[in-house]
Amino acid sequence: MKQSPYRAFEPVPFSQVTIEDAFWGPRVQINREKTIPHIYHMCQQTGRLDAYRLDWKPGDEQTPHQFWDSDVAKWIEAASDSLVSTPDSALDALLDEVIALVASAQQADGYLNPHYTVVEPNRRWTNLRHGHELYCAGHLIEAAVAHVQATGKSTLLTVACRYADSLATIFGREPGMKRGYCGHEEIELALVKLYRVTNNPRYLQLSQYFIDERGQAPCYFDTEPAPDSHALGLEYHQAHRPVREQTEVVGHAVRAMYLYSAMVDLVCETGDESCGTRVSTSGTISAPNTCFLLAG
């Protein structure tokens, strides 16, 4: 992992941690022997893997869903992590097979989402509030980082970098770019992880853009076709005000934790403490924002 002068502590790589206790040890074994194979089977059975063949047509069963590919990416990440503690040539080969299938669905411009490629090809980036495109991209990036760290193979990392490079030409504050962000956070922390393994500042800058743009007025979601008039409330998306002005945890819990984790990651990489809270070794909060904890 890339070193940062702003981190008080360097995290221990999980590859250097062995779990052999009586509680977690058996659960790790069950995950490796039962859960990971079962999830792969379900991805096959439900059409999540076949969706990457891009051969769906109207009338077919198992229409590729807009966030199916996040499930495949999570499986790749979990299987990659498992290889670190327990090498498995069969699982390694299966990962290569799945990654090749995923890579085959990447478009010439770097885009990668089976639903919006074959089901709604004219609706890319038109429903950031609920469409999950950036969320799925984030999980793909996390999977790529886990895979290269576990195996040293860069096949999926290359795919993820192409996608992230494409995103950097689409989202931003420059004229002609979309000033949007995902309704479901995830891409933010994933881009920091990608920055840490590639040392490419473009990915860190894009993560910071997504974090800084969130909650700005006027609300980007209102510019999208058929807005839902904030039926769930902007707090649901942590988009009710800029993140540096948010003082309490609100909304969808999973989205919130992705966002807050990314904000802490950003503090660790940039030293920008206005994006998080520093907590001293005594536990005293030394910044006004009460949501985010960073050991220091």
C-alpha atoms as a PDB file:
ATOM      1  CA  MET A   1       0.000   0.000   0.000  1.00  0.00           C
ATOM      2  CA  LYS A   2       1.184   3.522  -0.827  1.00  0.00           C
ATOM      3  CA  GLN A   3       2.588   5.292   2.236  1.00  0.00           C
ATOM      4  CA  SER A   4       1.005   8.568   3.318  1.00  0.00           C
ATOM      5  CA  PRO A   5       2.532  11.224   5.594  1.00  0.00           C
ATOM      6  CA  TYR A   6      -0.947  11.971   6.955  1.00  0.00           C
ATOM      7  CA  ARG A   7      -1.738   8.521   8.377  1.00  0.00           C
ATOM      8  CA  ALA A   8      -0.944   8.216  12.061  1.00  0.00           C
ATOM      9  CA  PHE A   9      -0.748   4.431  11.706  1.00  0.00           C
ATOM     10  CA  GLU A  10      -0.069   2.209   8.713  1.00  0.00           C
ATOM     11  CA  PRO A  11      -2.648  -0.589   8.444  1.00  0.00           C
ATOM     12  CA  VAL A  12      -1.332  -4.141   8.614  1.00  0.00           C
ATOM     13  CA  PRO A  13      -1.872  -5.876   5.244  1.00  0.00           C
ATOM     14  CA  PHE A  14      -4.419  -8.633   5.638  1.00  0.00           C
ATOM     15  CA  SER A  15      -1.981 -10.942   3.864  1.00  0.00           C
ATOM     16  CA  GLN A  16       0.148 -10.745   7.006  1.00  0.00           C
ATOM     17  CA  VAL A  17      -2.676 -11.709   9.348  1.00  0.00           C
ATOM     18  CA  THR A  18      -3.494 -15.304  10.245  1.00  0.00           C
ATOM     19  CA  ILE A  19      -6.763 -16.135  11.992  1.00  0.00           C
ATOM     20  CA  GLU A  20      -6.631 -19.373  13.952  1.00  0.00           C
ATOM     21  CA  ASP A  21      -8.883 -18.715  16.950  1.00  0.00           C
ATOM     22  CA  ALA A  22     -11.824 -20.923  17.904  1.00  0.00           C
ATOM     23  CA  PHE A  23     -14.492 -18.384  16.947  1.00  0.00           C
ATOM     24  CA  TRP A  24     -13.429 -16.695  13.701  1.00  0.00           C
ATOM     25  CA  GLY A  25     -11.185 -19.470  12.382  1.00  0.00           C
ATOM     26  CA  PRO A  26     -14.021 -21.929  11.667  1.00  0.00           C
ATOM     27  CA  ARG A  27     -16.093 -19.167  10.093  1.00  0.00           C
ATOM     28  CA  VAL A  28     -13.289 -18.239   7.741  1.00  0.00           C
ATOM     29  CA  GLN A  29     -13.061 -21.906   6.782  1.00  0.00           C
ATOM     30  CA  ILE A  30     -16.817 -22.123   6.169  1.00  0.00           C
ATOM     31  CA  ASN A  31     -16.617 -18.989   4.049  1.00  0.00           C
ATOM     32  CA  ARG A  32     -13.835 -20.522   1.955  1.00  0.00           C
ATOM     33  CA  GLU A  33     -15.319 -24.003   1.615  1.00  0.00           C
ATOM     34  CA  LYS A  34     -19.052 -23.269   1.447  1.00  0.00           C
ATOM     35  CA  THR A  35     -20.008 -19.619   1.008  1.00  0.00           C
ATOM     36  CA  ILE A  36     -17.687 -18.618  -1.831  1.00  0.00           C
ATOM     37  CA  PRO A  37     -18.564 -21.698  -3.958  1.00  0.00           C
ATOM     38  CA  HIS A  38     -22.275 -21.199  -3.240  1.00  0.00           C
ATOM     39  CA  ILE A  39     -22.228 -17.547  -4.282  1.00  0.00           C
ATOM     40  CA  TYR A  40     -20.452 -18.462  -7.512  1.00  0.00           C
ATOM     41  CA  HIS A  41     -23.146 -21.076  -8.173  1.00  0.00           C
ATOM     42  CA  MET A  42     -25.880 -18.502  -7.560  1.00  0.00           C
ATOM     43  CA  CYS A  43     -24.202 -16.036  -9.919  1.00  0.00           C
ATOM     44  CA  GLN A  44     -24.306 -18.756 -12.554  1.00  0.00           C
ATOM     45  CA  GLN A  45     -27.866 -19.839 -11.809  1.00  0.00           C
ATOM     46  CA  THR A  46     -29.356 -16.353 -11.786  1.00  0.00           C
ATOM     47  CA  GLY A  47     -27.693 -15.193 -14.991  1.00  0.00           C
ATOM     48  CA  ARG A  48     -25.331 -12.724 -13.387  1.00  0.00           C
ATOM     49  CA  LEU A  49     -22.319 -14.248 -15.125  1.00  0.00           C
ATOM     50  CA  ASP A  50     -24.029 -14.835 -18.454  1.00  0.00           C
ATOM     51  CA  ALA A  51     -25.028 -11.158 -18.498  1.00  0.00           C
ATOM     52  CA  TYR A  52     -21.424 -10.338 -19.413  1.00  0.00           C
ATOM     53  CA  ARG A  53     -21.861 -12.182 -22.704  1.00  0.00           C
ATOM     54  CA  LEU A  54     -24.040  -9.238 -23.768  1.00  0.00           C
ATOM     55  CA  ASP A  55     -26.344 -11.483 -25.766  1.00  0.00           C
ATOM     56  CA  TRP A  56     -29.578 -10.621 -23.945  1.00  0.00           C
ATOM     57  CA  LYS A  57     -32.498  -9.502 -26.069  1.00  0.00           C
ATOM     58  CA  PRO A  58     -36.051  -8.375 -25.215  1.00  0.00           C
ATOM     59  CA  GLY A  59     -38.228 -11.330 -24.253  1.00  0.00           C
ATOM     60  CA  ASP A  60     -35.384 -13.339 -22.729  1.00  0.00           C
ATOM     61  CA  GLU A  61     -35.657 -14.417 -19.117  1.00  0.00           C
ATOM     62  CA  GLN A  62     -33.329 -13.052 -16.447  1.00  0.00           C
ATOM     63  CA  THR A  63     -33.030  -9.513 -17.712  1.00  0.00           C
ATOM     64  CA  PRO A  64     -29.675  -8.159 -16.507  1.00  0.00           C
ATOM     65  CA  HIS A  65     -30.389  -5.943 -13.522  1.00  0.00           C
ATOM     66  CA  GLN A  66     -28.699  -2.583 -13.055  1.00  0.00           C
ATOM     67  CA  PHE A  67     -26.607  -3.737 -10.113  1.00  0.00           C
ATOM     68  CA  TRP A  68     -26.140  -7.439 -10.843  1.00  0.00           C
ATOM     69  CA  ASP A  69     -22.508  -6.889 -11.697  1.00  0.00           C
ATOM     70  CA  SER A  70     -21.798  -5.583  -8.203  1.00  0.00           C
ATOM     71  CA  ASP A  71     -22.546  -9.098  -6.923  1.00  0.00           C
ATOM     72  CA  VAL A  72     -20.026 -10.607  -9.329  1.00  0.00           C
ATOM     73  CA  ALA A  73     -17.433  -8.034  -8.300  1.00  0.00           C
ATOM     74  CA  LYS A  74     -17.997  -8.787  -4.615  1.00  0.00           C
ATOM     75  CA  TRP A  75     -17.486 -12.481  -5.330  1.00  0.00           C
ATOM     76  CA  ILE A  76     -14.225 -11.745  -7.147  1.00  0.00           C
ATOM     77  CA  GLU A  77     -13.051  -9.682  -4.180  1.00  0.00           C
ATOM     78  CA  ALA A  78     -13.990 -12.364  -1.643  1.00  0.00           C
ATOM     79  CA  ALA A  79     -12.434 -15.174  -3.670  1.00  0.00           C
ATOM     80  CA  SER A  80      -9.260 -13.139  -4.157  1.00  0.00           C
ATOM     81  CA  ASP A  81      -8.990 -12.458  -0.440  1.00  0.00           C
ATOM     82  CA  SER A  82      -9.437 -16.161   0.242  1.00  0.00           C
ATOM     83  CA  LEU A  83      -6.487 -17.006  -1.990  1.00  0.00           C
ATOM     84  CA  VAL A  84      -4.188 -14.952   0.213  1.00  0.00           C
ATOM     85  CA  SER A  85      -4.690 -17.083   3.307  1.00  0.00           C
ATOM     86  CA  THR A  86      -5.305 -20.379   1.496  1.00  0.00           C
ATOM     87  CA  PRO A  87      -3.814 -20.826  -1.986  1.00  0.00           C
ATOM     88  CA  ASP A  88      -6.167 -22.789  -4.231  1.00  0.00           C
ATOM     89  CA  SER A  89      -5.211 -23.446  -7.849  1.00  0.00           C
ATOM     90  CA  ALA A  90      -8.774 -24.333  -8.849  1.00  0.00           C
ATOM     91  CA  LEU A  91     -10.194 -21.125  -7.401  1.00  0.00           C
ATOM     92  CA  ASP A  92      -7.358 -19.138  -8.950  1.00  0.00           C
ATOM     93  CA  ALA A  93      -8.188 -20.590 -12.369  1.00  0.00           C
ATOM     94  CA  LEU A  94     -11.897 -19.927 -11.867  1.00  0.00           C
ATOM     95  CA  LEU A  95     -11.137 -16.313 -11.048  1.00  0.00           C
ATOM     96  CA  ASP A  96      -9.146 -16.006 -14.278  1.00  0.00           C
ATOM     97  CA  GLU A  97     -12.126 -17.388 -16.183  1.00  0.00           C
ATOM     98  CA  VAL A  98     -14.641 -15.018 -14.586  1.00  0.00           C
ATOM     99  CA  ILE A  99     -12.357 -12.009 -15.000  1.00  0.00           C
ATOM    100  CA  ALA A 100     -11.877 -12.805 -18.686  1.00  0.00           C
ATOM    101  CA  LEU A 101     -15.658 -12.885 -19.074  1.00  0.00           C
ATOM    102  CA  VAL A 102     -16.040  -9.561 -17.275  1.00  0.00           C
ATOM    103  CA  ALA A 103     -13.281  -7.991 -19.375  1.00  0.00           C
ATOM    104  CA  SER A 104     -14.958  -9.149 -22.574  1.00  0.00           C
ATOM    105  CA  ALA A 105     -17.969  -6.950 -21.781  1.00  0.00           C
ATOM    106  CA  GLN A 106     -15.959  -3.732 -21.494  1.00  0.00           C
ATOM    107  CA  GLN A 107     -16.856  -1.243 -24.190  1.00  0.00           C
ATOM    108  CA  ALA A 108     -14.372   0.591 -26.382  1.00  0.00           C
ATOM    109  CA  ASP A 109     -14.691   3.745 -24.266  1.00  0.00           C
ATOM    110  CA  GLY A 110     -14.035   1.831 -21.042  1.00  0.00           C
ATOM    111  CA  TYR A 111     -17.657   1.585 -19.914  1.00  0.00           C
ATOM    112  CA  LEU A 112     -18.672  -1.661 -18.204  1.00  0.00           C
ATOM    113  CA  ASN A 113     -22.199  -2.435 -17.054  1.00  0.00           C
ATOM    114  CA  PRO A 114     -24.207  -5.192 -18.777  1.00  0.00           C
ATOM    115  CA  HIS A 115     -27.601  -3.701 -17.925  1.00  0.00           C
ATOM    116  CA  TYR A 116     -26.935  -0.318 -19.479  1.00  0.00           C
ATOM    117  CA  THR A 117     -25.046  -1.892 -22.367  1.00  0.00           C
ATOM    118  CA  VAL A 118     -27.812  -4.209 -23.597  1.00  0.00           C
ATOM    119  CA  VAL A 119     -31.061  -3.365 -21.742  1.00  0.00           C
ATOM    120  CA  GLU A 120     -31.022   0.447 -21.623  1.00  0.00           C
ATOM    121  CA  PRO A 121     -28.140   1.487 -23.871  1.00  0.00           C
ATOM    122  CA  ASN A 122     -29.462   5.023 -24.255  1.00  0.00           C
ATOM    123  CA  ARG A 123     -29.732   5.681 -20.525  1.00  0.00           C
ATOM    124  CA  ARG A 124     -26.124   5.674 -19.392  1.00  0.00           C
ATOM    125  CA  TRP A 125     -25.537   8.165 -16.566  1.00  0.00           C
ATOM    126  CA  THR A 126     -29.134   9.437 -16.683  1.00  0.00           C
ATOM    127  CA  ASN A 127     -30.211   8.085 -13.285  1.00  0.00           C
ATOM    128  CA  LEU A 128     -27.350   8.673 -10.890  1.00  0.00           C
ATOM    129  CA  ARG A 129     -29.739   8.815  -7.954  1.00  0.00           C
ATOM    130  CA  HIS A 130     -30.982   5.237  -8.325  1.00  0.00           C
ATOM    131  CA  GLY A 131     -29.106   3.711 -11.260  1.00  0.00           C
ATOM    132  CA  HIS A 132     -26.138   2.309  -9.301  1.00  0.00           C
ATOM    133  CA  GLU A 133     -23.712   2.652 -12.229  1.00  0.00           C
ATOM    134  CA  LEU A 134     -21.012   4.333 -10.158  1.00  0.00           C
ATOM    135  CA  TYR A 135     -21.731   1.987  -7.259  1.00  0.00           C
ATOM    136  CA  CYS A 136     -21.093  -0.994  -9.536  1.00  0.00           C
ATOM    137  CA  ALA A 137     -17.968   0.653 -10.913  1.00  0.00           C
ATOM    138  CA  GLY A 138     -16.729   1.028  -7.358  1.00  0.00           C
ATOM    139  CA  HIS A 139     -17.145  -2.638  -6.569  1.00  0.00           C
ATOM    140  CA  LEU A 140     -15.391  -3.562  -9.813  1.00  0.00           C
ATOM    141  CA  ILE A 141     -12.460  -1.375  -8.763  1.00  0.00           C
ATOM    142  CA  GLU A 142     -12.344  -2.904  -5.282  1.00  0.00           C
ATOM    143  CA  ALA A 143     -12.382  -6.384  -6.825  1.00  0.00           C
ATOM    144  CA  ALA A 144      -9.520  -5.447  -9.138  1.00  0.00           C
ATOM    145  CA  VAL A 145      -7.432  -4.127  -6.261  1.00  0.00           C
ATOM    146  CA  ALA A 146      -8.065  -7.258  -4.195  1.00  0.00           C
ATOM    147  CA  HIS A 147      -7.213  -9.519  -7.126  1.00  0.00           C
ATOM    148  CA  VAL A 148      -3.913  -7.874  -8.000  1.00  0.00           C
ATOM    149  CA  GLN A 149      -2.901  -7.799  -4.343  1.00  0.00           C
ATOM    150  CA  ALA A 150      -3.746 -11.476  -3.934  1.00  0.00           C
ATOM    151  CA  THR A 151      -2.321 -12.845  -7.183  1.00  0.00           C
ATOM    152  CA  GLY A 152      -0.081 -10.212  -8.728  1.00  0.00           C
ATOM    153  CA  LYS A 153      -2.169 -10.477 -11.911  1.00  0.00           C
ATOM    154  CA  SER A 154      -3.192  -7.154 -13.419  1.00  0.00           C
ATOM    155  CA  THR A 155      -5.870  -8.325 -15.859  1.00  0.00           C
ATOM    156  CA  LEU A 156      -8.801  -6.923 -13.900  1.00  0.00           C
ATOM    157  CA  LEU A 157      -6.799  -3.946 -12.680  1.00  0.00           C
ATOM    158  CA  THR A 158      -6.279  -2.914 -16.302  1.00  0.00           C
ATOM    159  CA  VAL A 159     -10.027  -3.122 -16.856  1.00  0.00           C
ATOM    160  CA  ALA A 160     -10.715  -1.075 -13.733  1.00  0.00           C
ATOM    161  CA  CYS A 161      -8.199   1.609 -14.674  1.00  0.00           C
ATOM    162  CA  ARG A 162      -9.715   1.955 -18.143  1.00  0.00           C
ATOM    163  CA  TYR A 163     -13.129   2.414 -16.550  1.00  0.00           C
ATOM    164  CA  ALA A 164     -11.854   4.903 -13.968  1.00  0.00           C
ATOM    165  CA  ASP A 165     -10.030   6.855 -16.682  1.00  0.00           C
ATOM    166  CA  SER A 166     -13.303   7.048 -18.587  1.00  0.00           C
ATOM    167  CA  LEU A 167     -15.150   8.289 -15.494  1.00  0.00           C
ATOM    168  CA  ALA A 168     -12.565  11.029 -15.056  1.00  0.00           C
ATOM    169  CA  THR A 169     -13.501  12.409 -18.478  1.00  0.00           C
ATOM    170  CA  ILE A 170     -17.226  12.388 -17.691  1.00  0.00           C
ATOM    171  CA  PHE A 171     -17.567  13.688 -14.122  1.00  0.00           C
ATOM    172  CA  GLY A 172     -16.167  16.944 -12.861  1.00  0.00           C
ATOM    173  CA  ARG A 173     -16.659  20.694 -12.696  1.00  0.00           C
ATOM    174  CA  GLU A 174     -15.103  21.586 -16.018  1.00  0.00           C
ATOM    175  CA  PRO A 175     -17.390  22.826 -18.827  1.00  0.00           C
ATOM    176  CA  GLY A 176     -19.235  20.000 -20.565  1.00  0.00           C
ATOM    177  CA  MET A 177     -18.758  17.497 -17.723  1.00  0.00           C
ATOM    178  CA  LYS A 178     -21.462  16.057 -15.502  1.00  0.00           C
ATOM    179  CA  ARG A 179     -21.503  17.583 -12.036  1.00  0.00           C
ATOM    180  CA  GLY A 180     -23.184  14.528 -10.580  1.00  0.00           C
ATOM    181  CA  TYR A 181     -22.417  11.835  -8.021  1.00  0.00           C
ATOM    182  CA  CYS A 182     -23.875   8.444  -7.200  1.00  0.00           C
ATOM    183  CA  GLY A 183     -26.991   8.074  -5.083  1.00  0.00           C
ATOM    184  CA  HIS A 184     -25.360   5.016  -3.515  1.00  0.00           C
ATOM    185  CA  GLU A 185     -21.832   5.760  -2.351  1.00  0.00           C
ATOM    186  CA  GLU A 186     -19.011   3.255  -2.966  1.00  0.00           C
ATOM    187  CA  ILE A 187     -17.022   4.671  -5.885  1.00  0.00           C
ATOM    188  CA  GLU A 188     -15.397   7.200  -3.543  1.00  0.00           C
ATOM    189  CA  LEU A 189     -13.511   4.735  -1.344  1.00  0.00           C
ATOM    190  CA  ALA A 190     -12.804   2.446  -4.299  1.00  0.00           C
ATOM    191  CA  LEU A 191     -10.995   5.234  -6.144  1.00  0.00           C
ATOM    192  CA  VAL A 192      -8.785   5.849  -3.109  1.00  0.00           C
ATOM    193  CA  LYS A 193      -7.878   2.154  -3.116  1.00  0.00           C
ATOM    194  CA  LEU A 194      -7.095   2.368  -6.826  1.00  0.00           C
ATOM    195  CA  TYR A 195      -4.903   5.398  -6.208  1.00  0.00           C
ATOM    196  CA  ARG A 196      -3.007   3.520  -3.516  1.00  0.00           C
ATOM    197  CA  VAL A 197      -2.085   0.626  -5.816  1.00  0.00           C
ATOM    198  CA  THR A 198      -1.395   2.689  -8.952  1.00  0.00           C
ATOM    199  CA  ASN A 199      -0.069   5.953  -7.484  1.00  0.00           C
ATOM    200  CA  ASN A 200      -2.128   7.767 -10.132  1.00  0.00           C
ATOM    201  CA  PRO A 201      -3.354  11.067  -8.610  1.00  0.00           C
ATOM    202  CA  ARG A 202      -6.182  11.227 -11.122  1.00  0.00           C
ATOM    203  CA  TYR A 203      -8.094   8.635  -9.112  1.00  0.00           C
ATOM    204  CA  LEU A 204      -7.646  10.459  -5.822  1.00  0.00           C
ATOM    205  CA  GLN A 205      -8.778  13.699  -7.437  1.00  0.00           C
ATOM    206  CA  LEU A 206     -11.899  12.023  -8.824  1.00  0.00           C
ATOM    207  CA  SER A 207     -12.728  10.591  -5.402  1.00  0.00           C
ATOM    208  CA  GLN A 208     -12.359  14.034  -3.870  1.00  0.00           C
ATOM    209  CA  TYR A 209     -14.594  15.510  -6.566  1.00  0.00           C
ATOM    210  CA  PHE A 210     -17.393  13.017  -5.789  1.00  0.00           C
ATOM    211  CA  ILE A 211     -17.109  13.728  -2.064  1.00  0.00           C
ATOM    212  CA  ASP A 212     -16.959  17.504  -2.446  1.00  0.00           C
ATOM    213  CA  GLU A 213     -19.807  17.680  -4.974  1.00  0.00           C
ATOM    214  CA  ARG A 214     -22.212  15.691  -2.813  1.00  0.00           C
ATOM    215  CA  GLY A 215     -24.904  17.863  -1.276  1.00  0.00           C
ATOM    216  CA  GLN A 216     -24.080  20.976  -3.276  1.00  0.00           C
ATOM    217  CA  ALA A 217     -26.954  23.219  -4.361  1.00  0.00           C
ATOM    218  CA  PRO A 218     -28.748  23.099  -6.671  1.00  0.00           C
ATOM    219  CA  CYS A 219     -29.202  19.344  -6.257  1.00  0.00           C
ATOM    220  CA  TYR A 220     -27.862  17.460  -9.272  1.00  0.00           C
ATOM    221  CA  PHE A 221     -30.570  14.807  -8.949  1.00  0.00           C
ATOM    222  CA  ASP A 222     -33.170  17.430  -9.891  1.00  0.00           C
ATOM    223  CA  THR A 223     -31.573  17.762 -13.321  1.00  0.00           C
ATOM    224  CA  GLU A 224     -32.135  14.119 -14.193  1.00  0.00           C
ATOM    225  CA  PRO A 225     -35.095  12.914 -16.279  1.00  0.00           C
ATOM    226  CA  ALA A 226     -38.233  12.115 -14.266  1.00  0.00           C
ATOM    227  CA  PRO A 227     -36.953  13.189 -10.843  1.00  0.00           C
ATOM    228  CA  ASP A 228     -38.791  11.550  -7.950  1.00  0.00           C
ATOM    229  CA  SER A 229     -39.128  14.824  -6.015  1.00  0.00           C
ATOM    230  CA  HIS A 230     -36.894  13.446  -3.278  1.00  0.00           C
ATOM    231  CA  ALA A 231     -39.458  10.872  -2.190  1.00  0.00           C
ATOM    232  CA  LEU A 232     -36.864   9.249   0.055  1.00  0.00           C
ATOM    233  CA  GLY A 233     -35.420  12.549   1.201  1.00  0.00           C
ATOM    234  CA  LEU A 234     -31.942  13.790   0.388  1.00  0.00           C
ATOM    235  CA  GLU A 235     -30.805  12.620   3.825  1.00  0.00           C
ATOM    236  CA  TYR A 236     -31.311   9.071   2.543  1.00  0.00           C
ATOM    237  CA  HIS A 237     -28.402   9.671   0.141  1.00  0.00           C
ATOM    238  CA  GLN A 238     -26.393  11.888   2.541  1.00  0.00           C
ATOM    239  CA  ALA A 239     -26.922  14.617  -0.076  1.00  0.00           C
ATOM    240  CA  HIS A 240     -28.923  17.101   1.998  1.00  0.00           C
ATOM    241  CA  ARG A 241     -25.905  19.396   2.465  1.00  0.00           C
ATOM    242  CA  PRO A 242     -22.178  19.398   1.621  1.00  0.00           C
ATOM    243  CA  VAL A 243     -20.325  16.752   3.595  1.00  0.00           C
ATOM    244  CA  ARG A 244     -18.276  19.278   5.595  1.00  0.00           C
ATOM    245  CA  GLU A 245     -21.534  20.733   6.891  1.00  0.00           C
ATOM    246  CA  GLN A 246     -23.027  17.405   7.954  1.00  0.00           C
ATOM    247  CA  THR A 247     -22.908  16.870  11.708  1.00  0.00           C
ATOM    248  CA  GLU A 248     -24.845  13.651  12.266  1.00  0.00           C
ATOM    249  CA  VAL A 249     -25.229  10.246  10.681  1.00  0.00           C
ATOM    250  CA  VAL A 250     -28.403  10.106   8.601  1.00  0.00           C
ATOM    251  CA  GLY A 251     -30.045   8.075   5.862  1.00  0.00           C
ATOM    252  CA  HIS A 252     -29.326   4.665   4.392  1.00  0.00           C
ATOM    253  CA  ALA A 253     -26.771   3.017   6.680  1.00  0.00           C
ATOM    254  CA  VAL A 254     -24.725   1.207   4.019  1.00  0.00           C
ATOM    255  CA  ARG A 255     -24.453   4.315   1.859  1.00  0.00           C
ATOM    256  CA  ALA A 256     -23.467   6.378   4.880  1.00  0.00           C
ATOM    257  CA  MET A 257     -20.674   4.048   5.949  1.00  0.00           C
ATOM    258  CA  TYR A 258     -19.222   3.928   2.432  1.00  0.00           C
ATOM    259  CA  LEU A 259     -19.195   7.725   2.378  1.00  0.00           C
ATOM    260  CA  TYR A 260     -17.702   8.182   5.835  1.00  0.00           C
ATOM    261  CA  SER A 261     -15.035   5.564   5.170  1.00  0.00           C
ATOM    262  CA  ALA A 262     -14.086   7.354   1.963  1.00  0.00           C
ATOM    263  CA  MET A 263     -13.906  10.669   3.776  1.00  0.00           C
ATOM    264  CA  VAL A 264     -11.505   9.254   6.342  1.00  0.00           C
ATOM    265  CA  ASP A 265      -9.450   7.714   3.522  1.00  0.00           C
ATOM    266  CA  LEU A 266      -9.295  11.125   1.887  1.00  0.00           C
ATOM    267  CA  VAL A 267      -8.051  12.707   5.113  1.00  0.00           C
ATOM    268  CA  CYS A 268      -5.358  10.035   5.297  1.00  0.00           C
ATOM    269  CA  GLU A 269      -4.162  10.818   1.780  1.00  0.00           C
ATOM    270  CA  THR A 270      -4.498  14.602   1.654  1.00  0.00           C
ATOM    271  CA  GLY A 271      -4.346  15.796   5.258  1.00  0.00           C
ATOM    272  CA  ASP A 272      -7.595  17.724   4.689  1.00  0.00           C
ATOM    273  CA  GLU A 273      -9.091  17.431   8.166  1.00  0.00           C
ATOM    274  CA  SER A 274     -12.164  19.451   7.206  1.00  0.00           C
ATOM    275  CA  CYS A 275     -13.317  16.239   5.526  1.00  0.00           C
ATOM    276  CA  GLY A 276     -13.201  14.211   8.736  1.00  0.00           C
ATOM    277  CA  THR A 277     -12.750  14.189  12.464  1.00  0.00           C
ATOM    278  CA  ARG A 278      -9.458  13.578  14.177  1.00  0.00           C
ATOM    279  CA  VAL A 279      -9.620  11.685  17.439  1.00  0.00           C
ATOM    280  CA  SER A 280      -6.656  11.879  19.732  1.00  0.00           C
ATOM    281  CA  THR A 281      -5.221   8.813  21.424  1.00  0.00           C
ATOM    282  CA  SER A 282      -7.188   9.854  24.500  1.00  0.00           C
ATOM    283  CA  GLY A 283     -10.399   9.740  22.488  1.00  0.00           C
ATOM    284  CA  THR A 284     -10.968  13.503  22.469  1.00  0.00           C
ATOM    285  CA  ILE A 285     -12.695  14.781  19.339  1.00  0.00           C
ATOM    286  CA  SER A 286     -10.677  17.714  18.033  1.00  0.00           C
ATOM    287  CA  ALA A 287     -12.739  18.801  15.017  1.00  0.00           C
ATOM    288  CA  PRO A 288     -16.342  19.996  14.749  1.00  0.00           C
ATOM    289  CA  ASN A 289     -17.643  17.202  12.552  1.00  0.00           C
ATOM    290  CA  THR A 290     -18.970  14.391  14.723  1.00  0.00           C
ATOM    291  CA  CYS A 291     -19.407  11.665  12.116  1.00  0.00           C
ATOM    292  CA  PHE A 292     -15.953  10.570  11.179  1.00  0.00           C
ATOM    293  CA  LEU A 293     -13.203   8.988  13.271  1.00  0.00           C
ATOM    294  CA  LEU A 294      -9.526   8.873  12.428  1.00  0.00           C
ATOM    295  CA  ALA A 295      -7.098   7.522  14.995  1.00  0.00           C
ATOM    296  CA  GLY A 296      -4.303   9.970  15.573  1.00  0.00           C
END
